C-alpha atoms as a PDB file:
ATOM      1  CA  MET A   1      97.666  31.991  13.691  1.00  0.00           C
ATOM      2  CA  PRO A   2      99.100  35.047  15.873  1.00  0.00           C
ATOM      3  CA  THR A   3      96.889  36.599  18.330  1.00  0.00           C
ATOM      4  CA  THR A   4      97.291  40.339  18.738  1.00  0.00           C
ATOM      5  CA  GLN A   5      96.422  42.198  21.744  1.00  0.00           C
ATOM      6  CA  PRO A   6      94.694  45.396  20.935  1.00  0.00           C
ATOM      7  CA  ARG A   7      97.207  48.339  20.997  1.00  0.00           C
ATOM      8  CA  GLN A   8      96.258  51.101  23.373  1.00  0.00           C
ATOM      9  CA  ALA A   9      96.749  54.790  21.752  1.00  0.00           C
ATOM     10  CA  PRO A  10      99.451  56.617  22.881  1.00  0.00           C
ATOM     11  CA  THR A  11      99.060  59.480  24.956  1.00  0.00           C
ATOM     12  CA  ALA A  12     100.200  62.471  23.070  1.00  0.00           C
ATOM     13  CA  GLN A  13     102.879  65.772  25.281  1.00  0.00           C
ATOM     14  CA  SER A  14     101.163  68.720  25.600  1.00  0.00           C
ATOM     15  CA  VAL A  15     103.685  71.506  24.472  1.00  0.00           C
ATOM     16  CA  THR A  16     102.293  73.755  27.936  1.00  0.00           C
ATOM     17  CA  SER A  17     103.461  71.202  30.345  1.00  0.00           C
ATOM     18  CA  VAL A  18     106.829  71.539  29.275  1.00  0.00           C
ATOM     19  CA  PRO A  19     108.628  73.359  31.708  1.00  0.00           C
ATOM     20  CA  GLU A  20     111.020  76.379  30.582  1.00  0.00           C
ATOM     21  CA  SER A  21     114.378  75.355  29.717  1.00  0.00           C
ATOM     22  CA  ARG A  22     117.217  75.609  32.051  1.00  0.00           C
ATOM     23  CA  THR A  23     119.161  79.025  29.352  1.00  0.00           C
ATOM     24  CA  GLU A  24     115.731  80.530  29.466  1.00  0.00           C
ATOM     25  CA  GLU A  25     115.072  80.861  32.857  1.00  0.00           C
ATOM     26  CA  GLN A  26     118.724  81.853  33.343  1.00  0.00           C
ATOM     27  CA  SER A  27     118.214  84.516  30.883  1.00  0.00           C
ATOM     28  CA  ARG A  28     114.877  86.117  32.319  1.00  0.00           C
ATOM     29  CA  ARG A  29     116.609  85.624  36.081  1.00  0.00           C
ATOM     30  CA  LEU A  30     119.713  87.656  34.630  1.00  0.00           C
ATOM     31  CA  ARG A  31     117.211  90.372  32.937  1.00  0.00           C
ATOM     32  CA  ARG A  32     115.605  91.086  36.518  1.00  0.00           C
ATOM     33  CA  TYR A  33     118.825  91.310  38.458  1.00  0.00           C
ATOM     34  CA  LEU A  34     120.344  93.773  36.108  1.00  0.00           C
ATOM     35  CA  ALA A  35     116.701  95.804  35.775  1.00  0.00           C
ATOM     36  CA  THR A  36     117.411  95.580  39.768  1.00  0.00           C
ATOM     37  CA  MET A  37     120.867  96.711  39.651  1.00  0.00           C
ATOM     38  CA  VAL A  38     119.781  99.645  36.801  1.00  0.00           C
ATOM     39  CA  VAL A  39     117.632 100.740  39.887  1.00  0.00           C
ATOM     40  CA  ARG A  40     119.839 100.898  42.463  1.00  0.00           C
ATOM     41  CA  THR A  41     122.091 102.942  40.565  1.00  0.00           C
ATOM     42  CA  VAL A  42     119.523 105.455  39.651  1.00  0.00           C
ATOM     43  CA  CYS A  43     118.344 105.660  43.453  1.00  0.00           C
ATOM     44  CA  PHE A  44     122.080 105.906  44.630  1.00  0.00           C
ATOM     45  CA  VAL A  45     122.935 108.742  42.019  1.00  0.00           C
ATOM     46  CA  LEU A  46     119.413 110.787  43.380  1.00  0.00           C
ATOM     47  CA  LEU A  47     120.805 110.367  46.631  1.00  0.00           C
ATOM     48  CA  VAL A  48     123.833 112.362  46.177  1.00  0.00           C
ATOM     49  CA  VAL A  49     122.056 114.591  43.339  1.00  0.00           C
ATOM     50  CA  ILE A  50     119.199 115.404  45.029  1.00  0.00           C
ATOM     51  CA  ASP A  51     119.164 117.784  48.738  1.00  0.00           C
ATOM     52  CA  HIS A  52     115.860 117.132  50.135  1.00  0.00           C
ATOM     53  CA  PRO A  53     114.388 114.468  53.040  1.00  0.00           C
ATOM     54  CA  ILE A  54     112.863 112.532  49.790  1.00  0.00           C
ATOM     55  CA  ARG A  55     116.691 111.366  49.299  1.00  0.00           C
ATOM     56  CA  TRP A  56     116.015 108.486  52.313  1.00  0.00           C
ATOM     57  CA  VAL A  57     113.847 106.528  49.922  1.00  0.00           C
ATOM     58  CA  PHE A  58     116.854 106.211  47.873  1.00  0.00           C
ATOM     59  CA  ALA A  59     119.517 105.265  50.430  1.00  0.00           C
ATOM     60  CA  PHE A  60     117.148 102.843  51.294  1.00  0.00           C
ATOM     61  CA  GLY A  61     116.560 101.770  47.613  1.00  0.00           C
ATOM     62  CA  ALA A  62     120.744 101.841  47.506  1.00  0.00           C
ATOM     63  CA  VAL A  63     120.983  99.799  50.285  1.00  0.00           C
ATOM     64  CA  PHE A  64     118.609  97.267  50.319  1.00  0.00           C
ATOM     65  CA  LEU A  65     117.735  96.473  46.221  1.00  0.00           C
ATOM     66  CA  PRO A  66     120.709  94.286  45.804  1.00  0.00           C
ATOM     67  CA  PHE A  67     119.723  92.221  48.501  1.00  0.00           C
ATOM     68  CA  PHE A  68     116.363  91.590  46.753  1.00  0.00           C
ATOM     69  CA  ALA A  69     118.332  91.495  43.128  1.00  0.00           C
ATOM     70  CA  VAL A  70     120.291  88.777  44.580  1.00  0.00           C
ATOM     71  CA  VAL A  71     117.906  86.567  46.414  1.00  0.00           C
ATOM     72  CA  ALA A  72     115.341  87.171  43.311  1.00  0.00           C
ATOM     73  CA  ALA A  73     118.383  86.081  40.662  1.00  0.00           C
ATOM     74  CA  ASN A  74     119.053  83.181  42.702  1.00  0.00           C
ATOM     75  CA  ALA A  75     115.461  82.352  43.131  1.00  0.00           C
ATOM     76  CA  VAL A  76     115.213  79.152  40.495  1.00  0.00           C
ATOM     77  CA  SER A  77     111.957  77.575  40.113  1.00  0.00           C
ATOM     78  CA  PRO A  78     111.522  74.271  41.194  1.00  0.00           C
ATOM     79  CA  ARG A  79     112.120  71.029  38.166  1.00  0.00           C
ATOM     80  CA  LEU A  80     109.094  68.582  38.750  1.00  0.00           C
ATOM     81  CA  ARG A  81     109.698  64.976  37.926  1.00  0.00           C
ATOM     82  CA  GLY A  82     107.688  63.140  36.018  1.00  0.00           C
ATOM     83  CA  ARG A  83     105.782  66.066  34.242  1.00  0.00           C
ATOM     84  CA  VAL A  84     107.525  65.636  30.802  1.00  0.00           C
ATOM     85  CA  MET A  85     107.150  61.953  29.145  1.00  0.00           C
ATOM     86  CA  PRO A  86     109.659  60.525  26.953  1.00  0.00           C
ATOM     87  CA  VAL A  87     108.568  60.281  23.363  1.00  0.00           C
ATOM     88  CA  LEU A  88     108.881  56.517  22.324  1.00  0.00           C
ATOM     89  CA  PRO A  89     109.605  55.102  18.633  1.00  0.00           C
ATOM     90  CA  ARG A  90     106.877  53.167  17.611  1.00  0.00           C
ATOM     91  CA  THR A  91     107.171  49.815  16.776  1.00  0.00           C
ATOM     92  CA  ASP A  92     105.909  48.034  13.954  1.00  0.00           C
ATOM     93  CA  ASP A  93     103.897  45.177  15.160  1.00  0.00           C
ATOM     94  CA  THR A  94     103.199  44.074  11.100  1.00  0.00           C
ATOM     95  CA  LEU A  95     106.438  42.769  10.585  1.00  0.00           C
ATOM     96  CA  LEU A  96     106.740  41.046  13.749  1.00  0.00           C
ATOM     97  CA  ILE A  97     103.272  39.383  12.644  1.00  0.00           C
ATOM     98  CA  THR A  98     104.774  38.323   9.554  1.00  0.00           C
ATOM     99  CA  ARG A  99     107.934  36.899  10.837  1.00  0.00           C
ATOM    100  CA  GLU A 100     105.572  34.671  13.105  1.00  0.00           C
ATOM    101  CA  ALA A 101     103.792  33.749  10.401  1.00  0.00           C
ATOM    102  CA  ASP A 102     106.442  32.622   8.068  1.00  0.00           C
ATOM    103  CA  SER A 103     108.201  30.632  10.773  1.00  0.00           C
ATOM    104  CA  PRO A 104     107.574  27.056  10.337  1.00  0.00           C
ATOM    105  CA  THR A 105     105.389  25.887  13.341  1.00  0.00           C
ATOM    106  CA  ASP A 106     105.498  22.152  15.306  1.00  0.00           C
ATOM    107  CA  ARG A 107     103.552  19.986  13.607  1.00  0.00           C
END
């Protein structure tokens, strides 16, 4: 008579624990970089057009925004190992049990 072990219920993978895909992350970083470069371009244009002491704020933005844009674009979020669990196919134990029952036993 075959004995079966109690099967443990598989733990479900939570969709909220799945990290952002690499392509989505790269796209997000590229959009952030481009937005910062647009602000830098506006600062540069305003630096040339405006003749007021506030132009130094625009000069600061035109000079230092590229540094911050590159640092932010290269800031990759860390990939945590062990968060994503593989989803394995379930084995059909009934087939194994019937094969064991059909096999000849030692008499």
